[in-house]
Amino acid sequence: MKRNVLVFGSISGVISVLWFLIAMTFLDFGTHMSLGMILGYTSMIIANVFLVIGVKNYRDKYNGGVITFGKAFKVGILIALLASTVYVVTWLIYYYTSGSNFMEVYAECMNKELIASGASAAEIAKQTTEMKEFMVMYRNPFFNAAMTYMEILPMGILFTLITAIVMRRKVPKVS
């Protein structure tokens, strides 16, 4: 099981990281924040396909075509955790070495969207204050890591649940 988790978790993590690195290199997030989010979550969906493949591979190749919900969930969640950790570690390295103005750019984009939506001056001031408080908390690496896990891990958990339900099999499939 360890080899299976390492292989498919690494592939999934690398897919998320490659998109992230490409996006941070070529997209101007000050003007394309929404596009970046859409493409980022799309890459996470693609990456999680390897979670499904990893559970199926474990069931068929290493477990004789049989797997319980619990075992499928365990394999899937380990793949999701490994992929998420690869993503989080890469983000932390990026953020603390070259992307430390990300939150300022993000806050500015959020402010522009609020103004464009016709929000009142009080709503804009409230969001500006909340974003300044959030930016202070985000400088803490533990808080930053927790927030980054919350970006990617819930999708991995959802894929794990669905995969464990769909892949469970009590008797081997007869060919």
C-alpha atoms as a PDB file:
ATOM      1  CA  MET A   1       0.000   0.000   0.000  1.00  0.00           C
ATOM      2  CA  LYS A   2       2.864   2.402   0.806  1.00  0.00           C
ATOM      3  CA  ARG A   3       4.284   2.262  -2.711  1.00  0.00           C
ATOM      4  CA  ASN A   4       0.860   2.806  -4.242  1.00  0.00           C
ATOM      5  CA  VAL A   5       0.198   5.836  -2.009  1.00  0.00           C
ATOM      6  CA  LEU A   6       3.641   7.291  -2.690  1.00  0.00           C
ATOM      7  CA  VAL A   7       3.336   6.908  -6.460  1.00  0.00           C
ATOM      8  CA  PHE A   8      -0.196   8.230  -6.893  1.00  0.00           C
ATOM      9  CA  GLY A   9       0.048  10.838  -4.130  1.00  0.00           C
ATOM     10  CA  SER A  10       3.242  12.180  -5.686  1.00  0.00           C
ATOM     11  CA  ILE A  11       1.725  12.308  -9.168  1.00  0.00           C
ATOM     12  CA  SER A  12      -1.331  14.115  -7.823  1.00  0.00           C
ATOM     13  CA  GLY A  13       0.788  16.570  -5.846  1.00  0.00           C
ATOM     14  CA  VAL A  14       3.094  17.279  -8.775  1.00  0.00           C
ATOM     15  CA  ILE A  15       0.133  18.033 -11.061  1.00  0.00           C
ATOM     16  CA  SER A  16      -1.202  20.590  -8.569  1.00  0.00           C
ATOM     17  CA  VAL A  17       2.244  22.081  -8.066  1.00  0.00           C
ATOM     18  CA  LEU A  18       3.057  22.297 -11.777  1.00  0.00           C
ATOM     19  CA  TRP A  19      -0.127  24.236 -12.460  1.00  0.00           C
ATOM     20  CA  PHE A  20       0.568  26.478  -9.470  1.00  0.00           C
ATOM     21  CA  LEU A  21       4.119  27.240 -10.618  1.00  0.00           C
ATOM     22  CA  ILE A  22       3.023  27.885 -14.203  1.00  0.00           C
ATOM     23  CA  ALA A  23       0.198  30.146 -13.041  1.00  0.00           C
ATOM     24  CA  MET A  24       2.394  32.145 -10.679  1.00  0.00           C
ATOM     25  CA  THR A  25       4.968  32.576 -13.439  1.00  0.00           C
ATOM     26  CA  PHE A  26       2.709  33.557 -16.333  1.00  0.00           C
ATOM     27  CA  LEU A  27      -0.559  34.963 -14.908  1.00  0.00           C
ATOM     28  CA  ASP A  28      -0.867  38.486 -13.583  1.00  0.00           C
ATOM     29  CA  PHE A  29      -3.052  37.795 -10.559  1.00  0.00           C
ATOM     30  CA  GLY A  30      -3.784  41.472 -10.118  1.00  0.00           C
ATOM     31  CA  THR A  31      -5.973  41.287 -13.210  1.00  0.00           C
ATOM     32  CA  HIS A  32      -6.694  37.550 -13.551  1.00  0.00           C
ATOM     33  CA  MET A  33      -7.470  36.388  -9.986  1.00  0.00           C
ATOM     34  CA  SER A  34     -10.762  34.704 -10.949  1.00  0.00           C
ATOM     35  CA  LEU A  35      -9.194  32.932 -13.912  1.00  0.00           C
ATOM     36  CA  GLY A  36      -6.356  31.753 -11.695  1.00  0.00           C
ATOM     37  CA  MET A  37      -8.818  30.320  -9.176  1.00  0.00           C
ATOM     38  CA  ILE A  38     -10.837  28.549 -11.867  1.00  0.00           C
ATOM     39  CA  LEU A  39      -7.741  27.030 -13.453  1.00  0.00           C
ATOM     40  CA  GLY A  40      -6.298  26.158 -10.030  1.00  0.00           C
ATOM     41  CA  TYR A  41      -9.366  24.231  -8.944  1.00  0.00           C
ATOM     42  CA  THR A  42      -9.538  22.568 -12.362  1.00  0.00           C
ATOM     43  CA  SER A  43      -5.966  21.344 -11.878  1.00  0.00           C
ATOM     44  CA  MET A  44      -6.935  20.018  -8.430  1.00  0.00           C
ATOM     45  CA  ILE A  45      -9.778  18.045 -10.023  1.00  0.00           C
ATOM     46  CA  ILE A  46      -7.363  16.609 -12.585  1.00  0.00           C
ATOM     47  CA  ALA A  47      -4.871  15.813  -9.819  1.00  0.00           C
ATOM     48  CA  ASN A  48      -7.557  14.019  -7.808  1.00  0.00           C
ATOM     49  CA  VAL A  49      -8.276  11.751 -10.758  1.00  0.00           C
ATOM     50  CA  PHE A  50      -4.989  10.093  -9.773  1.00  0.00           C
ATOM     51  CA  LEU A  51      -6.463   9.456  -6.322  1.00  0.00           C
ATOM     52  CA  VAL A  52      -9.232   7.462  -8.020  1.00  0.00           C
ATOM     53  CA  ILE A  53      -6.713   5.658 -10.219  1.00  0.00           C
ATOM     54  CA  GLY A  54      -4.556   4.933  -7.156  1.00  0.00           C
ATOM     55  CA  VAL A  55      -7.419   3.341  -5.207  1.00  0.00           C
ATOM     56  CA  LYS A  56      -8.480   1.299  -8.254  1.00  0.00           C
ATOM     57  CA  ASN A  57      -4.880   0.231  -8.848  1.00  0.00           C
ATOM     58  CA  TYR A  58      -4.536  -0.879  -5.223  1.00  0.00           C
ATOM     59  CA  ARG A  59      -7.814  -2.810  -5.347  1.00  0.00           C
ATOM     60  CA  ASP A  60      -7.093  -4.562  -8.640  1.00  0.00           C
ATOM     61  CA  LYS A  61      -3.323  -5.047  -8.555  1.00  0.00           C
ATOM     62  CA  TYR A  62      -2.493  -5.541  -4.891  1.00  0.00           C
ATOM     63  CA  ASN A  63      -5.727  -6.644  -3.270  1.00  0.00           C
ATOM     64  CA  GLY A  64      -7.027  -9.265  -5.692  1.00  0.00           C
ATOM     65  CA  GLY A  65      -9.881  -7.105  -6.995  1.00  0.00           C
ATOM     66  CA  VAL A  66     -11.471  -6.810  -3.530  1.00  0.00           C
ATOM     67  CA  ILE A  67     -11.569  -3.768  -1.256  1.00  0.00           C
ATOM     68  CA  THR A  68     -13.723  -2.610   1.634  1.00  0.00           C
ATOM     69  CA  PHE A  69     -14.986   0.929   2.006  1.00  0.00           C
ATOM     70  CA  GLY A  70     -12.599   1.416   4.938  1.00  0.00           C
ATOM     71  CA  LYS A  71      -9.514   0.222   3.079  1.00  0.00           C
ATOM     72  CA  ALA A  72     -10.424   2.251  -0.029  1.00  0.00           C
ATOM     73  CA  PHE A  73     -10.971   5.289   2.185  1.00  0.00           C
ATOM     74  CA  LYS A  74      -7.595   4.763   3.872  1.00  0.00           C
ATOM     75  CA  VAL A  75      -5.734   4.495   0.568  1.00  0.00           C
ATOM     76  CA  GLY A  76      -7.574   7.487  -0.867  1.00  0.00           C
ATOM     77  CA  ILE A  77      -7.105   9.744   2.144  1.00  0.00           C
ATOM     78  CA  LEU A  78      -3.386   8.923   2.320  1.00  0.00           C
ATOM     79  CA  ILE A  79      -3.024   9.842  -1.357  1.00  0.00           C
ATOM     80  CA  ALA A  80      -4.982  13.061  -0.748  1.00  0.00           C
ATOM     81  CA  LEU A  81      -2.859  13.936   2.296  1.00  0.00           C
ATOM     82  CA  LEU A  82       0.401  13.348   0.436  1.00  0.00           C
ATOM     83  CA  ALA A  83      -0.732  15.380  -2.587  1.00  0.00           C
ATOM     84  CA  SER A  84      -2.007  18.168  -0.338  1.00  0.00           C
ATOM     85  CA  THR A  85       1.241  18.238   1.624  1.00  0.00           C
ATOM     86  CA  VAL A  86       3.288  18.531  -1.585  1.00  0.00           C
ATOM     87  CA  TYR A  87       1.063  21.464  -2.594  1.00  0.00           C
ATOM     88  CA  VAL A  88       1.214  23.153   0.824  1.00  0.00           C
ATOM     89  CA  VAL A  89       4.998  22.831   1.165  1.00  0.00           C
ATOM     90  CA  THR A  90       5.473  24.257  -2.336  1.00  0.00           C
ATOM     91  CA  TRP A  91       3.150  27.168  -1.533  1.00  0.00           C
ATOM     92  CA  LEU A  92       4.983  27.932   1.718  1.00  0.00           C
ATOM     93  CA  ILE A  93       8.356  27.916  -0.048  1.00  0.00           C
ATOM     94  CA  TYR A  94       6.973  30.181  -2.766  1.00  0.00           C
ATOM     95  CA  TYR A  95       5.211  32.527  -0.347  1.00  0.00           C
ATOM     96  CA  TYR A  96       8.141  33.012   1.987  1.00  0.00           C
ATOM     97  CA  THR A  97      10.756  33.333  -0.762  1.00  0.00           C
ATOM     98  CA  SER A  98       9.097  35.324  -3.557  1.00  0.00           C
ATOM     99  CA  GLY A  99       5.342  35.635  -3.177  1.00  0.00           C
ATOM    100  CA  SER A 100       4.995  37.541   0.059  1.00  0.00           C
ATOM    101  CA  ASN A 101       2.987  40.305  -1.644  1.00  0.00           C
ATOM    102  CA  PHE A 102       0.307  37.788  -2.676  1.00  0.00           C
ATOM    103  CA  MET A 103      -2.077  38.789   0.118  1.00  0.00           C
ATOM    104  CA  GLU A 104      -1.790  42.479  -0.753  1.00  0.00           C
ATOM    105  CA  VAL A 105      -2.632  41.706  -4.393  1.00  0.00           C
ATOM    106  CA  TYR A 106      -5.476  39.428  -3.282  1.00  0.00           C
ATOM    107  CA  ALA A 107      -6.886  42.101  -0.936  1.00  0.00           C
ATOM    108  CA  GLU A 108      -6.715  44.681  -3.703  1.00  0.00           C
ATOM    109  CA  CYS A 109      -8.590  42.364  -6.101  1.00  0.00           C
ATOM    110  CA  MET A 110     -11.264  41.673  -3.487  1.00  0.00           C
ATOM    111  CA  ASN A 111     -11.620  45.397  -2.880  1.00  0.00           C
ATOM    112  CA  LYS A 112     -12.006  46.103  -6.618  1.00  0.00           C
ATOM    113  CA  GLU A 113     -14.697  43.412  -6.887  1.00  0.00           C
ATOM    114  CA  LEU A 114     -16.558  44.882  -3.927  1.00  0.00           C
ATOM    115  CA  ILE A 115     -16.440  48.382  -5.435  1.00  0.00           C
ATOM    116  CA  ALA A 116     -17.593  47.044  -8.833  1.00  0.00           C
ATOM    117  CA  SER A 117     -20.545  45.323  -7.139  1.00  0.00           C
ATOM    118  CA  GLY A 118     -21.751  48.663  -5.809  1.00  0.00           C
ATOM    119  CA  ALA A 119     -21.011  48.009  -2.141  1.00  0.00           C
ATOM    120  CA  SER A 120     -21.367  50.844   0.337  1.00  0.00           C
ATOM    121  CA  ALA A 121     -18.392  52.668   1.795  1.00  0.00           C
ATOM    122  CA  ALA A 122     -19.093  50.976   5.148  1.00  0.00           C
ATOM    123  CA  GLU A 123     -18.967  47.489   3.569  1.00  0.00           C
ATOM    124  CA  ILE A 124     -15.727  48.335   1.770  1.00  0.00           C
ATOM    125  CA  ALA A 125     -14.175  49.697   4.976  1.00  0.00           C
ATOM    126  CA  LYS A 126     -15.269  46.608   6.908  1.00  0.00           C
ATOM    127  CA  GLN A 127     -13.741  44.233   4.330  1.00  0.00           C
ATOM    128  CA  THR A 128     -10.547  46.289   4.201  1.00  0.00           C
ATOM    129  CA  THR A 129     -10.187  46.019   7.987  1.00  0.00           C
ATOM    130  CA  GLU A 130     -10.910  42.276   7.937  1.00  0.00           C
ATOM    131  CA  MET A 131      -8.365  41.701   5.146  1.00  0.00           C
ATOM    132  CA  LYS A 132      -5.682  43.632   7.057  1.00  0.00           C
ATOM    133  CA  GLU A 133      -6.302  41.425  10.113  1.00  0.00           C
ATOM    134  CA  PHE A 134      -6.221  38.303   7.922  1.00  0.00           C
ATOM    135  CA  MET A 135      -2.944  39.399   6.289  1.00  0.00           C
ATOM    136  CA  VAL A 136      -1.321  39.646   9.731  1.00  0.00           C
ATOM    137  CA  MET A 137      -2.508  36.125  10.629  1.00  0.00           C
ATOM    138  CA  TYR A 138      -1.402  34.810   7.207  1.00  0.00           C
ATOM    139  CA  ARG A 139       2.217  35.754   7.935  1.00  0.00           C
ATOM    140  CA  ASN A 140       2.255  32.973  10.552  1.00  0.00           C
ATOM    141  CA  PRO A 141       3.507  29.838   8.737  1.00  0.00           C
ATOM    142  CA  PHE A 142       1.214  27.513  10.706  1.00  0.00           C
ATOM    143  CA  PHE A 143      -1.875  29.583   9.915  1.00  0.00           C
ATOM    144  CA  ASN A 144      -0.708  29.935   6.314  1.00  0.00           C
ATOM    145  CA  ALA A 145      -0.266  26.149   6.009  1.00  0.00           C
ATOM    146  CA  ALA A 146      -3.676  25.484   7.589  1.00  0.00           C
ATOM    147  CA  MET A 147      -5.376  27.878   5.163  1.00  0.00           C
ATOM    148  CA  THR A 148      -3.554  26.302   2.221  1.00  0.00           C
ATOM    149  CA  TYR A 149      -4.624  22.799   3.315  1.00  0.00           C
ATOM    150  CA  MET A 150      -8.205  24.128   3.435  1.00  0.00           C
ATOM    151  CA  GLU A 151      -7.797  25.116  -0.193  1.00  0.00           C
ATOM    152  CA  ILE A 152      -6.919  21.660  -1.501  1.00  0.00           C
ATOM    153  CA  LEU A 153      -7.715  18.973   1.100  1.00  0.00           C
ATOM    154  CA  PRO A 154     -11.545  19.222   1.138  1.00  0.00           C
ATOM    155  CA  MET A 155     -11.645  18.295  -2.538  1.00  0.00           C
ATOM    156  CA  GLY A 156      -9.371  15.326  -1.809  1.00  0.00           C
ATOM    157  CA  ILE A 157     -11.676  14.211   1.017  1.00  0.00           C
ATOM    158  CA  LEU A 158     -14.697  14.460  -1.293  1.00  0.00           C
ATOM    159  CA  PHE A 159     -12.940  12.448  -3.998  1.00  0.00           C
ATOM    160  CA  THR A 160     -11.892   9.905  -1.357  1.00  0.00           C
ATOM    161  CA  LEU A 161     -15.461   9.419  -0.098  1.00  0.00           C
ATOM    162  CA  ILE A 162     -16.916   9.028  -3.577  1.00  0.00           C
ATOM    163  CA  THR A 163     -14.093   6.714  -4.651  1.00  0.00           C
ATOM    164  CA  ALA A 164     -14.400   4.520  -1.542  1.00  0.00           C
ATOM    165  CA  ILE A 165     -18.134   4.134  -2.159  1.00  0.00           C
ATOM    166  CA  VAL A 166     -17.764   3.370  -5.873  1.00  0.00           C
ATOM    167  CA  MET A 167     -14.670   1.137  -5.673  1.00  0.00           C
ATOM    168  CA  ARG A 168     -15.673  -1.125  -2.779  1.00  0.00           C
ATOM    169  CA  ARG A 169     -16.055  -4.721  -3.805  1.00  0.00           C
ATOM    170  CA  LYS A 170     -16.494  -7.768  -1.562  1.00  0.00           C
ATOM    171  CA  VAL A 171     -15.867 -10.434  -4.177  1.00  0.00           C
ATOM    172  CA  PRO A 172     -13.383 -10.380  -7.058  1.00  0.00           C
ATOM    173  CA  LYS A 173     -14.804  -9.408 -10.437  1.00  0.00           C
ATOM    174  CA  VAL A 174     -14.955 -12.453 -12.686  1.00  0.00           C
ATOM    175  CA  SER A 175     -13.621 -11.783 -16.176  1.00  0.00           C
END
